[in-house]
Protein backbone atom coordinates (compact mmCIF):
# COMPACT_ATOMS: atom_id res chain seq x y z
CA UNK A 1 4.22 1.32 -32.61
CA UNK A 2 2.93 -2.22 -32.15
CA UNK A 3 5.81 -3.05 -29.83
CA UNK A 4 5.09 0.05 -27.71
CA UNK A 5 1.41 -0.88 -27.45
CA UNK A 6 2.37 -4.41 -26.38
CA UNK A 7 4.73 -3.01 -23.74
CA UNK A 8 2.02 -0.63 -22.55
CA UNK A 9 -0.44 -3.53 -22.32
CA UNK A 10 1.68 -5.83 -20.20
CA UNK A 11 2.85 -3.03 -17.87
CA UNK A 12 -0.72 -1.92 -17.19
CA UNK A 13 -2.02 -5.47 -16.76
CA UNK A 14 0.81 -6.72 -14.52
CA UNK A 15 0.55 -3.78 -12.14
CA UNK A 16 -3.21 -4.06 -12.11
CA UNK A 17 -2.67 -7.73 -11.19
CA UNK A 18 -0.29 -6.61 -8.45
CA UNK A 19 -2.73 -4.08 -6.98
CA UNK A 20 -5.89 -6.21 -6.97
CA UNK A 21 -4.86 -8.89 -4.42
CA UNK A 22 -3.23 -6.18 -2.29
CA UNK A 23 -6.58 -4.38 -2.18
CA UNK A 24 -8.39 -7.64 -1.36
CA UNK A 25 -6.10 -8.35 1.58
CA UNK A 26 -5.63 -4.85 2.95
CA UNK A 27 -8.97 -3.19 2.17
CA UNK A 28 -11.69 -5.63 1.14
CA UNK A 29 -10.93 -7.92 4.10
CA UNK A 30 -11.73 -5.05 6.47
CA UNK A 31 -15.02 -4.43 4.69
CA UNK A 32 -15.87 -8.14 4.86
CA UNK A 33 -15.07 -8.50 8.57
CA UNK A 34 -16.93 -5.29 9.37
CA UNK A 35 -20.05 -6.44 7.52
CA UNK A 36 -19.81 -9.80 9.32
CA UNK A 37 -19.99 -8.03 12.69
CA UNK A 38 -16.38 -8.54 13.85
CA UNK A 39 -15.27 -6.58 16.91
CA UNK A 40 -13.10 -3.48 16.71
CA UNK A 41 -10.25 -5.47 18.24
CA UNK A 42 -10.41 -8.10 15.48
CA UNK A 43 -10.69 -5.49 12.74
CA UNK A 44 -7.63 -3.68 14.07
CA UNK A 45 -5.64 -6.92 14.08
CA UNK A 46 -6.31 -7.28 10.35
CA UNK A 47 -3.53 -4.72 9.87
CA UNK A 48 -1.10 -7.58 10.51
CA UNK A 49 -2.15 -9.02 7.14
CA UNK A 50 0.38 -6.51 5.80
CA UNK A 51 3.40 -8.22 7.37
CA UNK A 52 4.26 -10.37 4.30
CA UNK A 53 4.73 -7.17 2.26
CA UNK A 54 6.83 -5.71 5.08
CA UNK A 55 9.13 -8.74 5.21
CA UNK A 56 9.20 -9.90 1.59
CA UNK A 57 12.78 -8.71 1.13
CA UNK A 58 13.98 -11.67 3.18
CA UNK A 59 12.71 -14.34 0.77
CA UNK A 60 13.20 -12.32 -2.41
CA UNK A 61 16.35 -14.30 -3.47
CA UNK A 62 14.15 -17.40 -3.87
CA UNK A 63 12.56 -15.74 -6.91
CA UNK A 64 15.90 -15.99 -8.70
CA UNK A 65 16.72 -19.48 -7.47
CA UNK A 66 13.76 -21.29 -9.07
CA UNK A 67 12.42 -20.74 -12.62
CA UNK A 68 12.21 -17.23 -14.09
CA UNK A 69 10.16 -14.20 -13.13
CA UNK A 70 7.61 -14.64 -15.92
CA UNK A 71 6.81 -18.14 -14.71
CA UNK A 72 6.67 -16.97 -11.09
CA UNK A 73 4.32 -14.16 -12.10
CA UNK A 74 1.89 -16.40 -14.00
CA UNK A 75 1.90 -19.23 -11.42
CA UNK A 76 1.27 -16.76 -8.58
CA UNK A 77 -1.69 -15.27 -10.46
CA UNK A 78 -3.23 -18.71 -10.98
CA UNK A 79 -2.75 -19.49 -7.28
CA UNK A 80 -4.11 -16.09 -6.23
CA UNK A 81 -7.22 -16.72 -8.31
CA UNK A 82 -7.72 -20.08 -6.60
CA UNK A 83 -7.13 -18.63 -3.12
CA UNK A 84 -9.59 -15.82 -3.83
CA UNK A 85 -12.20 -18.37 -4.94
CA UNK A 86 -11.70 -20.20 -1.62
CA UNK A 87 -13.13 -17.14 0.15
CA UNK A 88 -16.57 -18.09 -1.19
CA UNK A 89 -16.93 -20.71 1.55
CA UNK A 90 -16.32 -18.42 4.57
CA UNK A 91 -18.33 -15.71 2.82
CA UNK A 92 -21.39 -17.97 2.66
CA UNK A 93 -21.04 -19.20 6.24
CA UNK A 94 -19.45 -16.07 7.82
CA UNK A 95 -16.61 -18.26 9.07
CA UNK A 96 -14.15 -15.53 10.07
CA UNK A 97 -11.54 -17.96 11.38
CA UNK A 98 -11.30 -19.68 7.99
CA UNK A 99 -11.40 -16.34 6.20
CA UNK A 100 -8.42 -15.18 8.28
CA UNK A 101 -6.35 -18.20 7.25
CA UNK A 102 -7.21 -17.66 3.58
CA UNK A 103 -6.36 -13.95 3.68
CA UNK A 104 -3.00 -14.72 5.34
CA UNK A 105 -2.22 -17.22 2.57
CA UNK A 106 -3.28 -14.67 -0.02
CA UNK A 107 -1.00 -12.06 1.57
CA UNK A 108 2.08 -14.28 1.24
CA UNK A 109 1.21 -15.24 -2.33
CA UNK A 110 0.52 -11.61 -3.25
CA UNK A 111 3.80 -10.34 -1.75
CA UNK A 112 5.67 -13.01 -3.72
CA UNK A 113 3.76 -12.01 -6.87
CA UNK A 114 4.75 -8.37 -6.27
CA UNK A 115 8.44 -9.29 -6.27
CA UNK A 116 7.97 -11.28 -9.48
CA UNK A 117 6.25 -8.37 -11.23
CA UNK A 118 8.74 -5.73 -10.06
CA UNK A 119 11.70 -7.98 -10.90
CA UNK A 120 10.29 -8.79 -14.33
CA UNK A 121 9.74 -5.07 -15.02
CA UNK A 122 13.37 -4.30 -14.17
CA UNK A 123 14.67 -7.25 -16.21
CA UNK A 124 12.73 -6.50 -19.40
CA UNK A 125 13.02 -2.71 -19.59
CA UNK A 126 16.14 -0.58 -19.76
CA UNK A 127 16.56 2.17 -17.10
CA UNK A 128 15.17 4.96 -19.28
CA UNK A 129 12.04 2.96 -20.09
CA UNK A 130 11.64 2.02 -16.43
CA UNK A 131 11.49 5.72 -15.56
CA UNK A 132 9.25 6.58 -18.53
CA UNK A 133 6.62 3.97 -17.58
CA UNK A 134 6.76 4.53 -13.79
CA UNK A 135 3.67 6.75 -13.77
CA UNK A 136 1.76 4.15 -15.75
CA UNK A 137 2.67 1.50 -13.15
CA UNK A 138 1.30 3.61 -10.33
CA UNK A 139 -1.86 4.49 -12.25
CA UNK A 140 -2.61 0.83 -13.04
CA UNK A 141 -1.98 -0.17 -9.43
CA UNK A 142 -4.31 2.54 -8.14
CA UNK A 143 -7.02 1.56 -10.62
CA UNK A 144 -6.84 -1.97 -9.18
CA UNK A 145 -7.30 -0.58 -5.68
CA UNK A 146 -10.23 1.49 -6.95
CA UNK A 147 -11.78 -1.69 -8.36
CA UNK A 148 -11.08 -3.64 -5.16
CA UNK A 149 -12.20 -1.25 -2.43
CA UNK A 150 -14.73 0.43 -4.71
CA UNK A 151 -16.37 -1.69 -7.39
CA UNK A 152 -15.96 -5.09 -5.69
CA UNK A 153 -17.21 -3.82 -2.33
CA UNK A 154 -20.19 -2.18 -4.05
CA UNK A 155 -20.84 -5.49 -5.86
CA UNK A 156 -20.80 -7.26 -2.48
CA UNK A 157 -23.39 -4.81 -1.21
CA UNK A 158 -25.61 -5.06 -4.28
CA UNK A 159 -25.29 -8.81 -4.84
CA UNK A 160 -23.23 -10.86 -2.37
CA UNK A 161 -19.73 -11.54 -1.12
CA UNK A 162 -19.77 -14.71 -3.20
CA UNK A 163 -20.21 -12.63 -6.36
CA UNK A 164 -17.46 -10.28 -5.18
CA UNK A 165 -14.85 -12.98 -4.59
CA UNK A 166 -15.71 -15.02 -7.69
CA UNK A 167 -15.40 -11.88 -9.83
CA UNK A 168 -11.99 -11.13 -8.33
CA UNK A 169 -10.87 -14.75 -8.86
CA UNK A 170 -11.97 -14.62 -12.51
CA UNK A 171 -9.98 -11.42 -12.97
CA UNK A 172 -6.80 -13.05 -11.65
CA UNK A 173 -7.24 -16.14 -13.85
CA UNK A 174 -7.95 -13.97 -16.89
CA UNK A 175 -4.83 -11.92 -16.20
CA UNK A 176 -2.73 -15.09 -15.87
CA UNK A 177 -3.96 -16.32 -19.28
CA UNK A 178 -3.32 -12.92 -20.84
CA UNK A 179 0.19 -12.71 -19.40
CA UNK A 180 1.11 -16.20 -20.58
CA UNK A 181 0.35 -15.00 -24.10
CA UNK A 182 1.70 -11.45 -24.09
CA UNK A 183 4.73 -11.30 -21.77
CA UNK A 184 8.12 -11.37 -23.51
CA UNK A 185 10.53 -14.06 -22.34
CA UNK A 186 12.91 -12.64 -19.70
CA UNK A 187 16.69 -12.93 -20.09
CA UNK A 188 18.47 -15.67 -18.19
CA UNK A 189 19.39 -14.78 -14.61
CA UNK A 190 23.08 -14.02 -14.10
CA UNK A 191 23.29 -13.68 -10.31
CA UNK A 192 23.71 -16.59 -7.91
CA UNK A 193 21.83 -17.13 -4.68
CA UNK A 194 24.89 -16.33 -2.54
CA UNK A 195 25.43 -13.08 -4.39
CA UNK A 196 21.85 -11.99 -3.72
CA UNK A 197 22.10 -12.68 0.01
CA UNK A 198 25.44 -10.88 0.16
CA UNK A 199 23.89 -7.89 -1.59
CA UNK A 200 21.05 -7.80 0.96
CA UNK A 201 23.54 -7.80 3.86
CA UNK A 202 25.67 -5.08 2.27
CA UNK A 203 22.59 -2.99 1.52
CA UNK A 204 21.55 -3.07 5.20
CA UNK A 205 25.09 -2.25 6.29
CA UNK A 206 25.47 0.77 4.02
CA UNK A 207 21.97 1.99 4.86
CA UNK A 208 22.54 2.25 8.61
CA UNK A 209 25.96 3.88 8.14
CA UNK A 210 24.54 7.01 6.54
CA UNK A 211 25.02 10.38 8.32
CA UNK A 212 22.04 11.32 10.49
CA UNK A 213 20.48 7.87 10.14
CA UNK A 214 19.09 7.94 13.70
CA UNK A 215 17.02 11.02 12.86
CA UNK A 216 15.97 9.51 9.55
CA UNK A 217 14.91 6.19 11.12
CA UNK A 218 12.91 8.01 13.82
CA UNK A 219 11.06 9.98 11.16
CA UNK A 220 10.40 6.93 8.98
CA UNK A 221 9.08 4.89 11.91
CA UNK A 222 6.88 7.66 13.37
CA UNK A 223 5.67 9.42 10.22
CA UNK A 224 2.57 7.23 9.71
CA UNK A 225 1.83 6.49 13.39
CA UNK A 226 -1.26 8.68 13.76
CA UNK A 227 -2.45 8.10 10.20
CA UNK A 228 -2.12 4.31 10.58
CA UNK A 229 -4.13 4.37 13.82
CA UNK A 230 -6.91 6.33 12.18
CA UNK A 231 -6.94 4.40 8.89
CA UNK A 232 -7.34 1.03 10.63
CA UNK A 233 -10.63 2.20 12.16
CA UNK A 234 -12.15 4.20 9.28
CA UNK A 235 -14.27 1.32 7.93
CA UNK A 236 -15.75 0.23 11.30
CA UNK A 237 -16.28 3.90 12.15
CA UNK A 238 -18.30 4.48 8.98
CA UNK A 239 -20.22 1.30 9.77
CA UNK A 240 -20.85 2.71 13.27
CA UNK A 241 -22.32 5.83 11.62
CA UNK A 242 -24.77 3.57 9.79
CA UNK A 243 -23.24 3.40 6.29
CA UNK A 244 -23.51 0.03 4.53
CA UNK A 245 -21.26 -1.70 2.03
CA UNK A 246 -22.39 0.23 -1.05
CA UNK A 247 -21.98 3.64 0.59
CA UNK A 248 -18.64 2.67 2.15
CA UNK A 249 -17.44 1.40 -1.23
CA UNK A 250 -18.30 4.74 -2.79
CA UNK A 251 -16.81 6.82 0.03
CA UNK A 252 -13.55 5.01 0.79
CA UNK A 253 -13.13 3.13 -2.47
CA UNK A 254 -14.13 5.56 -5.20
CA UNK A 255 -13.95 9.02 -3.63
CA UNK A 256 -11.03 8.15 -1.34
CA UNK A 257 -8.85 6.50 -3.98
CA UNK A 258 -9.34 9.28 -6.54
CA UNK A 259 -8.56 12.07 -4.07
CA UNK A 260 -5.63 10.05 -2.70
CA UNK A 261 -4.11 9.87 -6.19
CA UNK A 262 -4.70 13.59 -6.60
CA UNK A 263 -3.01 14.29 -3.27
CA UNK A 264 0.07 12.26 -4.20
CA UNK A 265 0.37 14.08 -7.54
CA UNK A 266 -0.13 17.47 -5.88
CA UNK A 267 2.41 16.64 -3.19
CA UNK A 268 4.97 15.61 -5.79
CA UNK A 269 4.40 18.88 -7.65
CA UNK A 270 4.78 20.98 -4.49
CA UNK A 271 7.98 19.18 -3.48
CA UNK A 272 9.44 19.56 -6.98
CA UNK A 273 8.79 23.31 -6.85
CA UNK A 274 9.70 24.11 -3.23
CA UNK A 275 12.06 21.28 -2.34
CA UNK A 276 11.51 18.67 0.37
CA UNK A 277 13.15 20.78 3.08
CA UNK A 278 10.58 23.58 2.64
CA UNK A 279 7.58 21.31 2.03
CA UNK A 280 8.27 18.75 4.77
CA UNK A 281 6.56 20.40 7.74
CA UNK A 282 3.55 21.98 5.93
CA UNK A 283 2.57 18.74 4.18
CA UNK A 284 3.15 16.64 7.31
CA UNK A 285 0.95 19.08 9.24
CA UNK A 286 -1.88 18.77 6.69
CA UNK A 287 -1.67 14.97 6.93
CA UNK A 288 -2.02 15.18 10.71
CA UNK A 289 -4.81 17.76 10.54
CA UNK A 290 -7.00 15.27 8.66
CA UNK A 291 -7.09 13.08 11.77
CA UNK A 292 -8.80 15.89 13.68
CA UNK A 293 -11.43 16.01 10.92
CA UNK A 294 -12.40 12.44 11.84
CA UNK A 295 -12.59 13.40 15.51
CA UNK A 296 -15.05 16.12 14.47
CA UNK A 297 -17.06 13.58 12.45
CA UNK A 298 -17.29 11.26 15.45
CA UNK A 299 -18.45 14.15 17.66
CA UNK A 300 -20.86 15.87 15.26
CA UNK A 301 -22.17 12.86 13.25
CA UNK A 302 -23.18 15.12 10.32
CA UNK A 303 -24.85 14.23 7.00
CA UNK A 304 -23.31 11.92 4.44
CA UNK A 305 -22.16 14.91 2.38
CA UNK A 306 -19.91 16.11 5.20
CA UNK A 307 -18.69 12.56 5.67
CA UNK A 308 -17.78 12.44 1.97
CA UNK A 309 -15.95 15.78 2.20
CA UNK A 310 -14.03 14.58 5.25
CA UNK A 311 -13.05 11.29 3.61
CA UNK A 312 -11.94 13.17 0.48
CA UNK A 313 -9.89 15.64 2.54
CA UNK A 314 -8.29 12.87 4.60
CA UNK A 315 -7.31 10.89 1.51
CA UNK A 316 -6.00 14.04 -0.19
CA UNK A 317 -3.93 14.76 2.91
CA UNK A 318 -2.71 11.15 3.03
CA UNK A 319 -1.65 11.49 -0.60
CA UNK A 320 0.36 14.60 0.28
CA UNK A 321 1.99 12.63 3.10
CA UNK A 322 2.75 9.75 0.74
CA UNK A 323 4.61 12.11 -1.58
CA UNK A 324 6.64 13.45 1.35
CA UNK A 325 7.59 10.01 2.59
CA UNK A 326 8.45 8.62 -0.84
CA UNK A 327 10.81 11.49 -1.62
CA UNK A 328 12.31 11.27 1.88
CA UNK A 329 12.95 7.54 1.40
CA UNK A 330 14.49 8.15 -2.02
CA UNK A 331 16.91 10.64 -0.51
CA UNK A 332 18.12 7.91 1.84
CA UNK A 333 19.10 5.70 -1.14
CA UNK A 334 22.82 5.51 -1.84
CA UNK A 335 25.17 4.26 -4.56
CA UNK A 336 24.60 0.92 -6.22
CA UNK A 337 22.05 -0.19 -3.58
CA UNK A 338 19.37 2.41 -4.32
CA UNK A 339 16.56 -0.08 -5.00
CA UNK A 340 17.39 -2.17 -1.91
CA UNK A 341 17.77 0.94 0.26
CA UNK A 342 14.32 2.06 -0.86
CA UNK A 343 12.92 -1.38 -0.05
CA UNK A 344 14.51 -1.25 3.42
CA UNK A 345 13.11 2.21 4.17
CA UNK A 346 9.62 1.40 2.92
CA UNK A 347 9.62 -1.87 4.88
CA UNK A 348 10.56 -0.06 8.10
CA UNK A 349 7.81 2.48 7.51
CA UNK A 350 5.17 -0.12 6.75
CA UNK A 351 6.13 -2.42 9.65
CA UNK A 352 5.65 0.47 12.08
CA UNK A 353 2.30 1.36 10.50
CA UNK A 354 1.20 -2.30 10.59
CA UNK A 355 1.98 -2.66 14.30
CA UNK A 356 0.28 0.62 15.23
CA UNK A 357 -2.79 -0.23 13.16
CA UNK A 358 -2.90 -3.75 14.58
CA UNK A 359 -3.55 -2.59 18.12
CA UNK A 360 -5.77 0.39 17.30
CA UNK A 361 -9.00 -1.60 17.65
CA UNK A 362 -8.30 -2.35 21.31
CA UNK A 363 -7.87 1.37 22.00
CA UNK A 364 -10.96 2.40 20.01
CA UNK A 365 -13.12 -0.18 21.80
CA UNK A 366 -11.91 1.09 25.16
CA UNK A 367 -12.25 4.88 24.75
CA UNK A 368 -14.78 5.43 21.93
CA UNK A 369 -14.26 7.00 18.51
CA UNK A 370 -14.02 10.69 19.50
CA UNK A 371 -11.27 10.07 22.05
CA UNK A 372 -9.63 7.51 19.77
CA UNK A 373 -9.18 9.96 16.89
CA UNK A 374 -7.86 12.60 19.30
CA UNK A 375 -5.31 10.07 20.55
CA UNK A 376 -4.41 9.27 16.94
CA UNK A 377 -3.70 12.96 16.41
CA UNK A 378 -1.52 12.92 19.54
CA UNK A 379 0.38 9.96 18.03
CA UNK A 380 1.11 12.15 14.99
CA UNK A 381 2.72 14.95 17.05
CA UNK A 382 6.21 13.37 17.25
CA UNK A 383 6.40 13.24 13.46
CA UNK A 384 5.43 16.92 13.34
CA UNK A 385 8.24 17.77 15.74
CA UNK A 386 10.72 15.73 13.71
CA UNK A 387 9.56 17.39 10.49
CA UNK A 388 10.15 20.78 12.10
CA UNK A 389 13.52 19.87 13.60
CA UNK A 390 14.95 17.56 10.97
CA UNK A 391 18.70 18.28 10.63
CA UNK A 392 19.63 19.98 7.40
CA UNK A 393 22.30 17.36 6.75
CA UNK A 394 19.56 14.90 5.75
CA UNK A 395 18.52 16.95 2.75
CA UNK A 396 20.53 17.05 -0.44
CA UNK A 397 19.81 19.67 -3.03
CA UNK A 398 21.60 17.96 -5.87
CA UNK A 399 19.50 15.82 -8.19
CA UNK A 400 19.55 12.07 -7.53
CA UNK A 401 18.62 9.11 -9.64
CA UNK A 402 15.43 7.44 -8.48
CA UNK A 403 15.29 3.73 -7.63
CA UNK A 404 12.66 1.45 -9.11
CA UNK A 405 9.70 2.00 -6.80
CA UNK A 406 7.41 -0.56 -5.25
CA UNK A 407 3.98 0.57 -6.41
CA UNK A 408 2.33 -0.60 -3.20
CA UNK A 409 3.96 2.28 -1.39
CA UNK A 410 2.74 5.02 -3.71
């Protein structure tokens, strides 16, 4: 019983530690730049902060080359705490250029920390335990995002950005100290650097040789196009409607995260009951429909209650879409390279979303929010067509084993 509680403790804490810096880079940075008066173009470009997560596969073998994953994990958390504390200076002086450099550094450190945590999890636990604790991983990660884009943003509104970033830094340092004490020692690594690089090359080769891969790649690349456009502009749009940090933290951080989790769980349940082939188009359509809800918000500018309902619906719909995409990516995973195939598919998806989101601010500034959200819906139409026309050969009815998932994608 004591051993199980210890395992529970380090799984929850490590995935919370993985989710917090991700939220700081991907969500809190947008809130900070918006409150500092950055242009829509600059805010859209913040999507490129996500590139280190998109490309982390390419430096993942370095994690095995130096030290062990426990040491990597703890050192990265100490560094992430220090980098977060550095944000106090640009926060006090609204130096957005310096803040950008710090957030980029944090993104690379956080992506490296993610690989350390995920690798440690796989090393320490046997496959059955990995599956048993997978829901706990996701829950802890989402709680961290709730704290980041919710509680920390609200703290920034109530107190200051200095208080926000120092609190986050203290969390990371506290987690590092806790993990130094509680994490079991990992087994010695058995694979060599050359073997890891060879495995990466073979994983790419086998991935692109799958039947129907052109259709699959088109769907993966286009699935989040409209949603990514819209999401990149949600925070500045709410700021445009007159909602400050505290209200935005409640709407997008608390309400949005909770309904997003609910949507992902509901989507998983629907897919398990009806199968991906039957659920693919309806759930993709609901995800796209949420974009039109934002176009209505921009046109009608209703009360905060309708804004809250719209944000909740959009995040619920995004959660449904997440479930669709995760299962679709899993079904593209083959043989002994399932984990790497999943990493390749999720990287392709997120790179496309990063690029689309990165340039959304230029479009929003040019046409206005009503037209922008309508164009975002238009960008979602190709994925709807693909969901409707997807060849049956891509769907397999037999049960497959599930690779170890990257929590950032759930």
